[in-house]
Amino acid sequence: MVVVENVLAPANAKPMVGHRILPISVQVTILFNAAPIVLARTSSVNSQATVKDISVNLDNVSEIPSNTNNTYDIGTSKNGIWKKALIGLLITVAAGAVAVPLALKFATTTPSIATTITTETTTTLTSLTTLTTTTSTASTSTSVTTSTSVTTSTSTTSTTATTATTTLMPGSIAFWSLDNNGLDLYNNYNGNPVGSPTYTTSFLGYGAAINLVRSSSQYISITSRQLLMNSSSFTIEAWIYPISFTGLDYGIFGQCQATTTNLCLHFMARNNQLYCAFYFNDIQGVTTLTMNVWTHVACVYNAATLTQQVWLNGVLDGSRTGSSLYQGSSGATTIGATFNPGSAAGFNGYMDQVSYIARAKNDTEILNDATLYVYYSFDSGSLIDGGPNGINGTASGTITIITGRVNQAIQFSSGAYVSYTYAPFYFLGINNNPFRSWCVHVLVMSSTGNINAQLWNGGTVGASGPILPLNSWTHIGYTYSSTNGIRLYINGAQVATTGAISFAASGSPMYIIFGNDDGRTSYCTPNYGGSFNGALDEFYLYRRELTASQVLALANP
């Protein structure tokens, strides 16, 4: 789902063809495989409506159901850019994953995406800072600085769960990107590859994912420091791409002190279902894993309530109250294998973005880790992804920092734009090649000033909304699924829908652009032309269809 939030339209704005509130243009081929496309906040100040021009390829997106009927279709990707085969960490601007397999899988699935946009219109905007990006280096520098600012802001306003960064002791968090090594991002639990494993493209589209062959006894061994998990809560997450499971045990993450109850942790797939066990104090999922598809998995343990849970693609797949606390305090920690003394259960396939944190994440956190593609707050002009996948952006032209709907927003001058092309967006089927084929505007403003949400399935299909009010922030939500079609929301209220529709993508990935179609208007269908002069704030993109209540919550931050 793409959410464009807070678009500001000027009082003297004259709607014109080409003035897009939030167009999504696909360069190369549009891969909108039944999935919504963007969400963001834009604002217009001059005679043009503020718009973010986004190039998105949704061909390889798979659909995740909004219910919990244990039926899943996977396929998508944080850490810098959306991961290509996108599932564990979306990376377009900063992450990576298995590209080809995921792209193929996604091409055969029907994606479900939701988009919300908030636009704000103000006659006078206060310019706080002006950022002129002339090189990718300058852009990157700005993003990094802002990133730190965003993190600080989040910590200040977040709840206790978020402030875990201040309450957790050193060593209580770890992240293994598995980019050609077993190093921990926080340098606490660095691991060493065993059995000479190879690496493949990350599901984020950039970086790498480890390729483990069970018969070769390949895995990551962490012996640099003991991971103390005894009598404490924890959450273990990973993106996995299982290959040829035959019903045996396939290890994902383990720490085994002894084959005694509550002394041997093994998070794995058993009989092709998720299994998180403490040795005779275990929880097993009910859904059969799909082979050759990127899948987000998680094991959550709450020591206070003894609750054990396994999650598949952001949906609870199994839960129980354990008999007693996990007590393991020693033993080798492994990724891609679990060990009971004398036996081993290796993984067979790809793994990426493995993480550990010493607390039990809540439902919303797990769901976002699995389905939130990107989140851009644009605070202090930052183009850093605040979501789980780290897909950062690059600016071209002059972008000014102004007061936003939430903290700060970015305002575009004529011809300026922000692009996310560091790596392919394979979860959405987005490629970083900007010079191919044609583009499609997904969220646009018509010549009469109406906001339109649309898709292309051999012809333009869309839902037309009202003329946006001037001099006020407006939240726009755009969701899509094959069952409900396009649903357009204004300030949290549904204003238009197409009903059930479907569309097939071409199979070629694209990339995303905000604010301008990068001079490719002649390739766009339909052709709206023009660039966006306005402000954008709070952009979210999900790989699932949000409910009306979820859109309403985003509309009222």
Protein backbone atom coordinates (compact mmCIF):
# COMPACT_ATOMS: atom_id res chain seq x y z
CA MET A 1 0.00 0.00 0.00
CA VAL A 2 1.19 3.46 -0.72
CA VAL A 3 0.11 6.26 1.49
CA VAL A 4 0.53 9.84 0.45
CA GLU A 5 -0.46 11.98 3.30
CA ASN A 6 -1.03 15.70 3.70
CA VAL A 7 -1.07 17.40 0.37
CA LEU A 8 -1.24 21.14 0.53
CA ALA A 9 -2.96 22.91 -2.34
CA PRO A 10 -2.51 26.68 -2.74
CA ALA A 11 -5.44 29.05 -2.66
CA ASN A 12 -4.68 30.22 -6.18
CA ALA A 13 -4.11 26.73 -7.51
CA LYS A 14 -5.46 26.13 -10.98
CA PRO A 15 -5.85 22.41 -11.53
CA MET A 16 -4.23 21.33 -14.74
CA VAL A 17 -3.60 18.08 -16.46
CA GLY A 18 -0.26 16.95 -15.20
CA HIS A 19 -0.62 18.36 -11.73
CA ARG A 20 -0.48 15.18 -9.76
CA ILE A 21 -1.10 14.85 -6.07
CA LEU A 22 0.73 11.61 -5.95
CA PRO A 23 1.28 9.93 -9.28
CA ILE A 24 3.04 6.65 -9.39
CA SER A 25 4.87 6.25 -12.59
CA VAL A 26 6.39 3.02 -13.67
CA GLN A 27 9.47 3.34 -15.82
CA VAL A 28 10.03 0.22 -17.82
CA THR A 29 6.81 -1.59 -17.37
CA ILE A 30 4.21 -1.20 -14.78
CA LEU A 31 3.94 -4.11 -12.50
CA PHE A 32 0.79 -3.36 -10.64
CA ASN A 33 -0.16 -6.92 -9.86
CA ALA A 34 -3.29 -6.13 -7.93
CA ALA A 35 -1.64 -4.10 -5.25
CA PRO A 36 -1.99 -0.49 -4.07
CA ILE A 37 0.89 1.74 -4.69
CA VAL A 38 1.91 4.72 -2.60
CA LEU A 39 1.30 6.70 0.41
CA ALA A 40 2.68 10.03 1.29
CA ARG A 41 1.84 13.53 2.21
CA THR A 42 2.06 16.28 -0.30
CA SER A 43 1.30 19.93 -0.23
CA SER A 44 0.91 22.55 -2.92
CA VAL A 45 1.76 26.17 -2.59
CA ASN A 46 1.90 27.75 -6.02
CA SER A 47 -0.48 27.33 -8.92
CA GLN A 48 0.35 23.69 -9.10
CA ALA A 49 -0.86 20.94 -6.86
CA THR A 50 1.85 19.39 -4.79
CA VAL A 51 2.60 15.96 -6.06
CA LYS A 52 4.99 13.18 -5.56
CA ASP A 53 5.67 11.34 -8.75
CA ILE A 54 6.31 7.71 -7.98
CA SER A 55 7.54 5.10 -10.36
CA VAL A 56 6.44 1.76 -9.08
CA ASN A 57 6.46 -1.72 -10.46
CA LEU A 58 3.93 -3.90 -8.71
CA ASP A 59 4.20 -6.90 -10.95
CA ASN A 60 5.87 -9.03 -8.37
CA VAL A 61 3.86 -8.15 -5.35
CA SER A 62 1.99 -10.87 -3.57
CA GLU A 63 -1.10 -10.38 -1.50
CA ILE A 64 -1.27 -10.80 2.25
CA PRO A 65 -4.79 -11.24 3.57
CA SER A 66 -6.13 -8.73 6.08
CA ASN A 67 -7.68 -11.52 8.13
CA THR A 68 -6.04 -14.27 10.09
CA ASN A 69 -7.25 -17.31 8.23
CA ASN A 70 -3.72 -18.63 8.03
CA THR A 71 -3.62 -18.25 4.28
CA TYR A 72 -0.65 -16.35 2.95
CA ASP A 73 0.92 -15.28 -0.27
CA ILE A 74 4.39 -13.93 0.20
CA GLY A 75 6.77 -11.85 -1.64
CA THR A 76 8.43 -8.66 -0.54
CA SER A 77 11.50 -6.54 1.54
CA LYS A 78 14.81 -2.34 5.13
CA ASN A 79 18.13 -1.54 5.66
CA GLY A 80 18.90 1.00 3.11
CA ILE A 81 16.65 0.28 0.17
CA TRP A 82 13.92 -2.17 -0.46
CA LYS A 83 15.11 -5.63 -0.81
CA LYS A 84 14.73 -6.87 -4.26
CA ALA A 85 13.13 -10.19 -3.81
CA LEU A 86 11.81 -8.21 -1.08
CA ILE A 87 10.34 -10.00 1.81
CA GLY A 88 12.62 -9.57 4.64
CA LEU A 89 13.70 -6.08 4.17
CA LEU A 90 12.49 -3.90 1.46
CA ILE A 91 15.27 -2.03 -0.16
CA THR A 92 15.20 0.33 -2.94
CA VAL A 93 17.15 2.84 -1.41
CA ALA A 94 19.00 0.65 0.92
CA ALA A 95 18.51 -3.07 1.16
CA GLY A 96 18.68 -6.33 -0.66
CA ALA A 97 17.49 -9.90 -1.07
CA VAL A 98 17.04 -12.72 -3.51
CA ALA A 99 15.90 -11.02 -6.66
CA VAL A 100 15.16 -13.46 -9.43
CA PRO A 101 13.34 -16.14 -7.46
CA LEU A 102 11.26 -13.60 -5.68
CA ALA A 103 10.47 -11.70 -8.81
CA LEU A 104 9.26 -14.85 -10.48
CA LYS A 105 7.15 -15.76 -7.51
CA PHE A 106 5.67 -12.36 -7.20
CA ALA A 107 4.80 -12.30 -10.85
CA THR A 108 2.49 -15.22 -10.25
CA THR A 109 0.73 -13.83 -7.22
CA THR A 110 -1.90 -11.17 -6.71
CA PRO A 111 -0.70 -8.34 -4.50
CA SER A 112 -2.74 -6.35 -2.07
CA ILE A 113 -1.60 -2.86 -1.22
CA ALA A 114 -3.00 0.14 0.58
CA THR A 115 -2.17 3.76 0.01
CA THR A 116 -2.92 6.79 2.09
CA ILE A 117 -2.04 10.31 1.25
CA THR A 118 -2.43 13.41 3.25
CA THR A 119 -2.26 16.72 1.53
CA GLU A 120 -2.06 20.02 3.19
CA THR A 121 -2.70 23.37 1.66
CA THR A 122 -1.39 26.51 3.23
CA THR A 123 -1.23 29.93 1.74
CA THR A 124 1.97 30.72 3.53
CA LEU A 125 4.66 28.20 4.24
CA THR A 126 7.58 28.91 6.52
CA SER A 127 10.84 27.85 5.00
CA LEU A 128 13.11 26.41 7.63
CA THR A 129 15.91 25.11 5.52
CA THR A 130 16.65 24.80 1.84
CA LEU A 131 18.42 21.74 0.56
CA THR A 132 19.81 21.82 -2.92
CA THR A 133 20.99 18.43 -4.02
CA THR A 134 23.25 18.45 -7.02
CA THR A 135 25.04 15.18 -6.51
CA SER A 136 24.19 11.82 -5.07
CA THR A 137 26.92 12.39 -2.52
CA ALA A 138 25.28 15.52 -1.19
CA SER A 139 21.96 13.79 -1.12
CA THR A 140 23.33 10.85 0.76
CA SER A 141 25.00 13.14 3.24
CA THR A 142 21.77 14.95 3.91
CA SER A 143 19.88 11.72 4.36
CA VAL A 144 22.33 10.36 6.86
CA THR A 145 22.21 13.48 8.97
CA THR A 146 18.46 13.52 8.91
CA SER A 147 18.33 9.88 9.72
CA THR A 148 19.93 10.57 13.05
CA SER A 149 17.44 13.34 13.64
CA VAL A 150 14.54 11.08 12.85
CA THR A 151 15.78 8.43 15.21
CA THR A 152 16.11 10.92 18.02
CA SER A 153 12.65 12.29 17.40
CA THR A 154 11.15 8.85 17.40
CA SER A 155 12.80 7.92 20.65
CA THR A 156 11.53 11.08 22.27
CA THR A 157 7.91 10.63 21.29
CA SER A 158 7.65 6.88 21.29
CA THR A 159 6.23 4.71 24.00
CA THR A 160 8.06 2.46 26.39
CA ALA A 161 8.38 -0.22 23.73
CA THR A 162 10.23 2.17 21.46
CA THR A 163 12.34 3.60 24.21
CA ALA A 164 13.78 0.15 24.56
CA THR A 165 16.90 1.71 23.13
CA THR A 166 17.40 3.47 26.42
CA THR A 167 16.33 0.67 28.73
CA LEU A 168 17.91 -2.34 27.05
CA MET A 169 21.35 -3.26 28.23
CA PRO A 170 24.22 -3.51 25.73
CA GLY A 171 24.05 -6.80 23.91
CA SER A 172 20.27 -7.10 24.13
CA ILE A 173 19.80 -6.44 20.43
CA ALA A 174 21.44 -7.88 17.35
CA PHE A 175 20.97 -7.71 13.59
CA TRP A 176 22.67 -9.88 11.02
CA SER A 177 22.20 -8.56 7.47
CA LEU A 178 24.15 -11.57 6.11
CA ASP A 179 25.70 -9.37 3.43
CA ASN A 180 28.53 -11.72 2.49
CA ASN A 181 29.41 -12.29 6.16
CA GLY A 182 27.99 -13.14 9.58
CA LEU A 183 28.70 -9.82 11.29
CA ASP A 184 26.27 -8.21 13.73
CA LEU A 185 25.33 -4.61 12.88
CA TYR A 186 25.83 -3.69 16.55
CA ASN A 187 29.14 -5.56 16.77
CA ASN A 188 28.01 -7.57 19.78
CA TYR A 189 27.43 -11.01 18.32
CA ASN A 190 29.59 -11.40 15.25
CA GLY A 191 29.36 -14.80 13.63
CA ASN A 192 31.56 -16.91 11.38
CA PRO A 193 30.39 -18.83 8.30
CA VAL A 194 30.80 -22.60 8.60
CA GLY A 195 31.00 -24.94 5.61
CA SER A 196 31.81 -22.20 3.07
CA PRO A 197 28.28 -21.01 2.29
CA THR A 198 27.72 -18.85 -0.77
CA TYR A 199 25.65 -15.68 -1.13
CA THR A 200 22.91 -14.52 -3.43
CA THR A 201 21.05 -11.26 -4.01
CA SER A 202 19.19 -10.01 -0.98
CA PHE A 203 15.43 -10.01 -1.05
CA LEU A 204 15.75 -6.25 -0.70
CA GLY A 205 17.32 -5.96 -4.12
CA TYR A 206 20.73 -4.85 -2.94
CA GLY A 207 23.26 -6.40 -0.66
CA ALA A 208 23.26 -10.14 -0.19
CA ALA A 209 21.48 -13.04 1.45
CA ILE A 210 23.18 -16.22 2.57
CA ASN A 211 22.64 -19.39 0.54
CA LEU A 212 22.74 -22.45 2.80
CA VAL A 213 22.94 -26.05 1.62
CA ARG A 214 21.84 -28.53 4.26
CA SER A 215 23.87 -31.43 2.87
CA SER A 216 27.04 -29.32 3.13
CA SER A 217 26.44 -28.45 6.83
CA GLN A 218 26.52 -24.71 6.19
CA TYR A 219 25.48 -22.17 8.82
CA ILE A 220 26.64 -19.16 10.88
CA SER A 221 28.26 -19.85 14.27
CA ILE A 222 28.26 -17.07 16.87
CA THR A 223 30.91 -17.62 19.51
CA SER A 224 32.25 -14.08 19.97
CA ARG A 225 29.92 -13.49 22.90
CA GLN A 226 27.28 -15.46 24.77
CA LEU A 227 23.72 -14.48 23.94
CA LEU A 228 22.01 -14.46 27.34
CA MET A 229 18.38 -15.44 26.76
CA ASN A 230 17.61 -17.23 30.01
CA SER A 231 14.55 -16.07 31.98
CA SER A 232 14.01 -13.13 29.62
CA SER A 233 11.61 -12.14 26.86
CA PHE A 234 12.83 -12.05 23.28
CA THR A 235 11.85 -11.79 19.63
CA ILE A 236 13.69 -13.53 16.81
CA GLU A 237 12.87 -12.59 13.22
CA ALA A 238 14.20 -13.56 9.81
CA TRP A 239 13.42 -13.61 6.13
CA ILE A 240 13.69 -17.11 4.73
CA TYR A 241 13.46 -18.62 1.24
CA PRO A 242 13.06 -22.36 1.79
CA ILE A 243 14.09 -24.73 -0.98
CA SER A 244 13.10 -28.38 -1.27
CA PHE A 245 12.03 -29.06 2.33
CA THR A 246 11.14 -32.72 2.78
CA GLY A 247 9.46 -32.69 6.18
CA LEU A 248 12.61 -32.87 8.28
CA ASP A 249 13.81 -30.24 10.76
CA TYR A 250 15.35 -27.18 9.10
CA GLY A 251 17.03 -24.81 11.56
CA ILE A 252 16.59 -21.04 11.45
CA PHE A 253 18.06 -19.93 14.80
CA GLY A 254 19.28 -21.92 17.77
CA GLN A 255 21.07 -21.98 21.10
CA CYS A 256 21.38 -25.35 22.80
CA GLN A 257 23.01 -25.76 26.20
CA ALA A 258 21.79 -29.33 26.76
CA THR A 259 19.03 -31.68 25.64
CA THR A 260 17.03 -30.91 28.75
CA THR A 261 13.70 -29.14 29.05
CA ASN A 262 14.07 -25.34 28.76
CA LEU A 263 17.81 -25.53 28.02
CA CYS A 264 17.76 -25.93 24.24
CA LEU A 265 16.22 -23.25 21.99
CA HIS A 266 15.53 -24.27 18.40
CA PHE A 267 13.54 -22.02 16.06
CA MET A 268 13.06 -23.98 12.87
CA ALA A 269 10.70 -25.55 10.35
CA ARG A 270 9.44 -28.98 11.38
CA ASN A 271 7.29 -30.92 8.96
CA ASN A 272 7.26 -27.73 6.87
CA GLN A 273 5.66 -25.67 9.65
CA LEU A 274 7.20 -23.10 11.98
CA TYR A 275 8.40 -24.55 15.28
CA CYS A 276 9.86 -22.61 18.21
CA ALA A 277 10.92 -24.96 20.97
CA PHE A 278 12.69 -24.96 24.33
CA TYR A 279 12.95 -28.77 24.31
CA PHE A 280 9.67 -30.31 25.43
CA ASN A 281 8.19 -26.85 26.00
CA ASP A 282 7.32 -25.96 22.42
CA ILE A 283 4.99 -24.13 20.05
CA GLN A 284 4.26 -25.18 16.47
CA GLY A 285 2.50 -23.26 13.70
CA VAL A 286 -0.36 -24.60 11.61
CA THR A 287 0.49 -23.24 8.16
CA THR A 288 2.60 -25.14 5.65
CA LEU A 289 5.52 -23.06 4.41
CA THR A 290 5.61 -22.27 0.71
CA MET A 291 8.78 -23.27 -1.11
CA ASN A 292 10.80 -20.86 -3.27
CA VAL A 293 9.20 -17.74 -1.83
CA TRP A 294 10.56 -15.11 0.54
CA THR A 295 8.72 -15.37 3.84
CA HIS A 296 8.93 -13.35 7.05
CA VAL A 297 9.04 -15.52 10.19
CA ALA A 298 9.18 -14.66 13.88
CA CYS A 299 9.36 -16.37 17.26
CA VAL A 300 8.12 -14.21 20.15
CA TYR A 301 8.49 -15.16 23.81
CA ASN A 302 7.06 -13.22 26.76
CA ALA A 303 8.81 -14.39 29.91
CA ALA A 304 6.35 -12.59 32.20
CA THR A 305 3.36 -14.54 30.88
CA LEU A 306 5.27 -17.57 29.51
CA THR A 307 3.57 -16.91 26.15
CA GLN A 308 5.20 -18.52 23.12
CA GLN A 309 4.22 -17.42 19.60
CA VAL A 310 5.23 -18.07 16.01
CA TRP A 311 4.35 -15.59 13.26
CA LEU A 312 4.23 -16.04 9.50
CA ASN A 313 4.24 -12.96 7.26
CA GLY A 314 2.96 -10.78 10.08
CA VAL A 315 0.08 -13.09 11.00
CA LEU A 316 -0.05 -15.11 14.22
CA ASP A 317 0.39 -18.77 13.28
CA GLY A 318 0.55 -20.38 16.71
CA SER A 319 0.39 -19.41 20.39
CA ARG A 320 0.48 -21.17 23.74
CA THR A 321 1.35 -20.63 27.38
CA GLY A 322 4.54 -22.47 28.21
CA SER A 323 5.08 -24.69 31.22
CA SER A 324 8.04 -22.74 32.64
CA LEU A 325 10.77 -20.22 31.82
CA TYR A 326 13.46 -20.78 29.20
CA GLN A 327 16.69 -21.25 31.18
CA GLY A 328 19.40 -21.67 28.55
CA SER A 329 22.44 -19.55 29.42
CA SER A 330 25.21 -21.09 27.35
CA GLY A 331 25.76 -23.09 24.22
CA ALA A 332 26.63 -21.99 20.70
CA THR A 333 24.25 -19.59 19.00
CA THR A 334 23.64 -20.50 15.37
CA ILE A 335 21.88 -19.04 12.34
CA GLY A 336 20.77 -21.46 9.67
CA ALA A 337 21.03 -24.51 11.89
CA THR A 338 19.87 -25.78 15.26
CA PHE A 339 21.85 -28.24 17.34
CA ASN A 340 20.85 -30.79 19.86
CA PRO A 341 24.10 -32.25 21.16
CA GLY A 342 25.06 -34.98 18.74
CA SER A 343 22.66 -33.95 15.96
CA ALA A 344 22.14 -30.98 13.67
CA ALA A 345 19.26 -29.58 11.65
CA GLY A 346 20.55 -27.33 8.88
CA PHE A 347 18.57 -24.95 6.71
CA ASN A 348 18.22 -25.43 2.97
CA GLY A 349 17.68 -22.21 1.02
CA TYR A 350 18.32 -18.50 1.49
CA MET A 351 18.21 -16.45 4.69
CA ASP A 352 18.36 -12.70 5.20
CA GLN A 353 17.86 -9.96 7.77
CA VAL A 354 17.99 -12.04 10.94
CA SER A 355 17.36 -10.10 14.14
CA TYR A 356 17.13 -10.60 17.90
CA ILE A 357 15.86 -8.24 20.58
CA ALA A 358 15.44 -8.92 24.30
CA ARG A 359 11.75 -8.10 24.53
CA ALA A 360 8.50 -9.46 23.16
CA LYS A 361 7.38 -7.38 20.19
CA ASN A 362 3.68 -6.65 19.93
CA ASP A 363 1.30 -7.54 17.11
CA THR A 364 1.65 -4.20 15.32
CA GLU A 365 5.43 -4.34 15.34
CA ILE A 366 5.52 -7.82 13.87
CA LEU A 367 2.95 -6.92 11.22
CA ASN A 368 4.93 -3.83 10.22
CA ASP A 369 8.19 -5.74 10.08
CA ALA A 370 6.56 -8.13 7.63
CA THR A 371 4.42 -5.78 5.54
CA LEU A 372 5.60 -2.16 5.79
CA TYR A 373 7.69 -1.46 2.70
CA VAL A 374 8.81 2.04 3.51
CA TYR A 375 8.00 5.01 5.71
CA TYR A 376 9.29 8.50 5.00
CA SER A 377 8.65 11.16 7.63
CA PHE A 378 10.72 13.75 5.70
CA ASP A 379 11.58 15.35 9.04
CA SER A 380 14.43 17.85 8.63
CA GLY A 381 14.47 17.01 4.95
CA SER A 382 15.46 13.44 5.56
CA LEU A 383 15.12 10.96 2.71
CA ILE A 384 15.90 8.11 5.08
CA ASP A 385 13.47 5.22 5.34
CA GLY A 386 12.13 5.01 8.89
CA GLY A 387 10.56 1.62 8.25
CA PRO A 388 12.10 -1.82 8.68
CA ASN A 389 13.84 -1.94 5.30
CA GLY A 390 16.02 1.15 5.04
CA ILE A 391 15.17 2.16 1.47
CA ASN A 392 16.62 5.64 1.30
CA GLY A 393 16.17 8.25 -1.41
CA THR A 394 18.14 10.71 -3.53
CA ALA A 395 17.02 14.26 -4.30
CA SER A 396 17.39 16.16 -7.55
CA GLY A 397 16.77 19.89 -7.74
CA THR A 398 15.89 22.20 -4.86
CA ILE A 399 13.92 20.83 -1.95
CA THR A 400 12.94 23.06 0.97
CA ILE A 401 12.14 21.99 4.51
CA ILE A 402 8.86 23.45 5.78
CA THR A 403 6.52 22.93 8.71
CA GLY A 404 4.66 19.70 8.04
CA ARG A 405 1.52 17.97 9.18
CA VAL A 406 3.77 16.08 11.58
CA ASN A 407 7.02 17.86 12.43
CA GLN A 408 8.58 18.79 9.06
CA ALA A 409 7.75 18.16 5.41
CA ILE A 410 9.61 18.67 2.14
CA GLN A 411 8.52 21.17 -0.50
CA PHE A 412 9.40 20.72 -4.16
CA SER A 413 10.38 23.50 -6.52
CA SER A 414 9.56 23.19 -10.20
CA GLY A 415 11.35 20.22 -11.71
CA ALA A 416 12.65 18.87 -8.40
CA TYR A 417 12.04 15.28 -7.42
CA VAL A 418 13.11 12.49 -5.08
CA SER A 419 13.89 9.06 -6.46
CA TYR A 420 14.36 5.67 -4.88
CA THR A 421 16.46 3.74 -7.33
CA TYR A 422 19.53 2.45 -5.50
CA ALA A 423 18.27 -1.05 -6.04
CA PRO A 424 15.24 -2.72 -7.60
CA PHE A 425 11.97 -2.79 -5.68
CA TYR A 426 11.25 -6.40 -6.26
CA PHE A 427 8.55 -6.75 -3.69
CA LEU A 428 6.69 -4.23 -5.71
CA GLY A 429 8.35 -5.33 -8.88
CA ILE A 430 10.24 -2.08 -9.14
CA ASN A 431 13.47 -1.86 -11.06
CA ASN A 432 16.07 0.88 -10.72
CA ASN A 433 16.40 1.36 -14.47
CA PRO A 434 14.78 4.72 -15.27
CA PHE A 435 15.12 4.64 -19.02
CA ARG A 436 12.73 2.04 -20.31
CA SER A 437 9.30 1.66 -21.69
CA TRP A 438 6.60 3.81 -20.16
CA CYS A 439 5.17 5.03 -16.89
CA VAL A 440 1.79 5.00 -15.26
CA HIS A 441 0.43 7.66 -12.95
CA VAL A 442 -1.42 5.94 -10.16
CA LEU A 443 -2.52 8.84 -7.98
CA VAL A 444 -3.20 12.03 -9.87
CA MET A 445 -5.10 15.29 -9.87
CA SER A 446 -7.36 15.82 -12.86
CA SER A 447 -7.74 19.01 -14.89
CA THR A 448 -10.80 19.84 -12.78
CA GLY A 449 -8.92 19.50 -9.51
CA ASN A 450 -10.33 16.13 -8.48
CA ILE A 451 -8.06 13.54 -6.93
CA ASN A 452 -8.02 10.25 -8.82
CA ALA A 453 -6.67 6.85 -7.81
CA GLN A 454 -6.09 4.61 -10.79
CA LEU A 455 -4.49 1.49 -12.23
CA TRP A 456 -3.69 0.35 -15.73
CA ASN A 457 -4.97 -2.99 -17.00
CA GLY A 458 -4.94 -2.36 -20.72
CA GLY A 459 -6.96 0.75 -20.02
CA THR A 460 -7.17 3.19 -17.14
CA VAL A 461 -9.39 2.01 -14.28
CA GLY A 462 -9.83 4.24 -11.28
CA ALA A 463 -11.90 5.94 -8.61
CA SER A 464 -12.45 9.69 -8.73
CA GLY A 465 -12.56 11.70 -5.53
CA PRO A 466 -13.53 15.27 -4.65
CA ILE A 467 -11.70 18.51 -5.30
CA LEU A 468 -9.23 18.92 -2.47
CA PRO A 469 -9.76 21.86 -0.11
CA LEU A 470 -7.25 24.68 -0.18
CA ASN A 471 -5.11 25.94 2.66
CA SER A 472 -5.43 22.83 4.79
CA TRP A 473 -3.67 19.51 5.11
CA THR A 474 -5.56 16.63 3.53
CA HIS A 475 -4.84 12.97 4.15
CA ILE A 476 -5.29 10.72 1.12
CA GLY A 477 -5.55 6.97 1.48
CA TYR A 478 -5.39 4.58 -1.46
CA THR A 479 -5.85 0.84 -0.96
CA TYR A 480 -6.21 -2.02 -3.38
CA SER A 481 -6.98 -5.72 -3.41
CA SER A 482 -8.45 -7.92 -6.10
CA THR A 483 -11.54 -8.43 -3.94
CA ASN A 484 -12.27 -4.81 -3.05
CA GLY A 485 -10.57 -3.08 -5.96
CA ILE A 486 -9.42 0.49 -5.46
CA ARG A 487 -10.67 2.36 -2.43
CA LEU A 488 -9.96 6.07 -2.11
CA TYR A 489 -10.04 7.76 1.31
CA ILE A 490 -9.95 11.45 2.16
CA ASN A 491 -9.06 12.29 5.76
CA GLY A 492 -9.90 8.75 6.82
CA ALA A 493 -13.32 8.54 5.14
CA GLN A 494 -13.91 6.44 2.02
CA VAL A 495 -15.08 8.65 -0.86
CA ALA A 496 -14.86 6.35 -3.89
CA THR A 497 -14.32 2.76 -4.95
CA THR A 498 -14.15 0.75 -8.15
CA GLY A 499 -15.47 -2.50 -6.73
CA ALA A 500 -13.67 -5.74 -7.50
CA ILE A 501 -11.14 -5.39 -10.33
CA SER A 502 -7.92 -7.10 -11.33
CA PHE A 503 -4.96 -6.25 -13.48
CA ALA A 504 -1.89 -8.07 -14.69
CA ALA A 505 1.56 -6.57 -14.69
CA SER A 506 4.02 -7.00 -17.50
CA GLY A 507 6.63 -8.68 -15.37
CA SER A 508 9.28 -5.99 -15.67
CA PRO A 509 10.23 -4.10 -12.51
CA MET A 510 10.21 -0.32 -12.11
CA TYR A 511 11.35 2.38 -9.72
CA ILE A 512 9.70 5.17 -7.74
CA ILE A 513 9.87 8.93 -8.16
CA PHE A 514 8.20 11.66 -6.10
CA GLY A 515 7.46 15.14 -7.42
CA ASN A 516 8.23 14.70 -11.10
CA ASP A 517 8.18 12.02 -13.76
CA ASP A 518 11.79 12.85 -14.58
CA GLY A 519 10.96 14.22 -18.00
CA ARG A 520 9.24 11.07 -19.20
CA THR A 521 5.73 12.44 -19.59
CA SER A 522 5.60 11.34 -23.22
CA TYR A 523 5.86 7.74 -22.02
CA CYS A 524 3.14 7.97 -19.40
CA THR A 525 -0.36 6.57 -19.87
CA PRO A 526 -2.42 8.60 -19.48
CA ASN A 527 -0.14 11.60 -19.92
CA TYR A 528 -0.59 14.21 -17.19
CA GLY A 529 2.73 15.97 -17.59
CA GLY A 530 4.05 18.75 -15.39
CA SER A 531 6.01 18.66 -12.18
CA PHE A 532 4.91 19.06 -8.62
CA ASN A 533 5.27 22.33 -6.74
CA GLY A 534 4.21 21.69 -3.19
CA ALA A 535 4.99 19.81 0.00
CA LEU A 536 4.92 16.17 0.97
CA ASP A 537 4.82 14.59 4.40
CA GLU A 538 4.36 11.19 6.06
CA PHE A 539 4.59 8.67 3.25
CA TYR A 540 3.83 4.99 3.91
CA LEU A 541 3.81 2.03 1.58
CA TYR A 542 2.47 -1.35 2.68
CA ARG A 543 2.26 -4.70 0.91
CA ARG A 544 -1.19 -5.32 2.28
CA GLU A 545 -4.60 -3.72 2.04
CA LEU A 546 -5.26 -1.58 5.10
CA THR A 547 -8.68 -1.64 6.72
CA ALA A 548 -10.82 1.48 7.00
CA SER A 549 -9.94 1.82 10.69
CA GLN A 550 -6.22 1.56 9.94
CA VAL A 551 -6.48 4.27 7.28
CA LEU A 552 -8.40 6.44 9.75
CA ALA A 553 -5.63 6.03 12.31
CA LEU A 554 -3.02 7.19 9.78
CA ALA A 555 -5.19 10.16 8.90
CA ASN A 556 -5.12 11.32 12.51
CA PRO A 557 -1.49 11.06 13.66
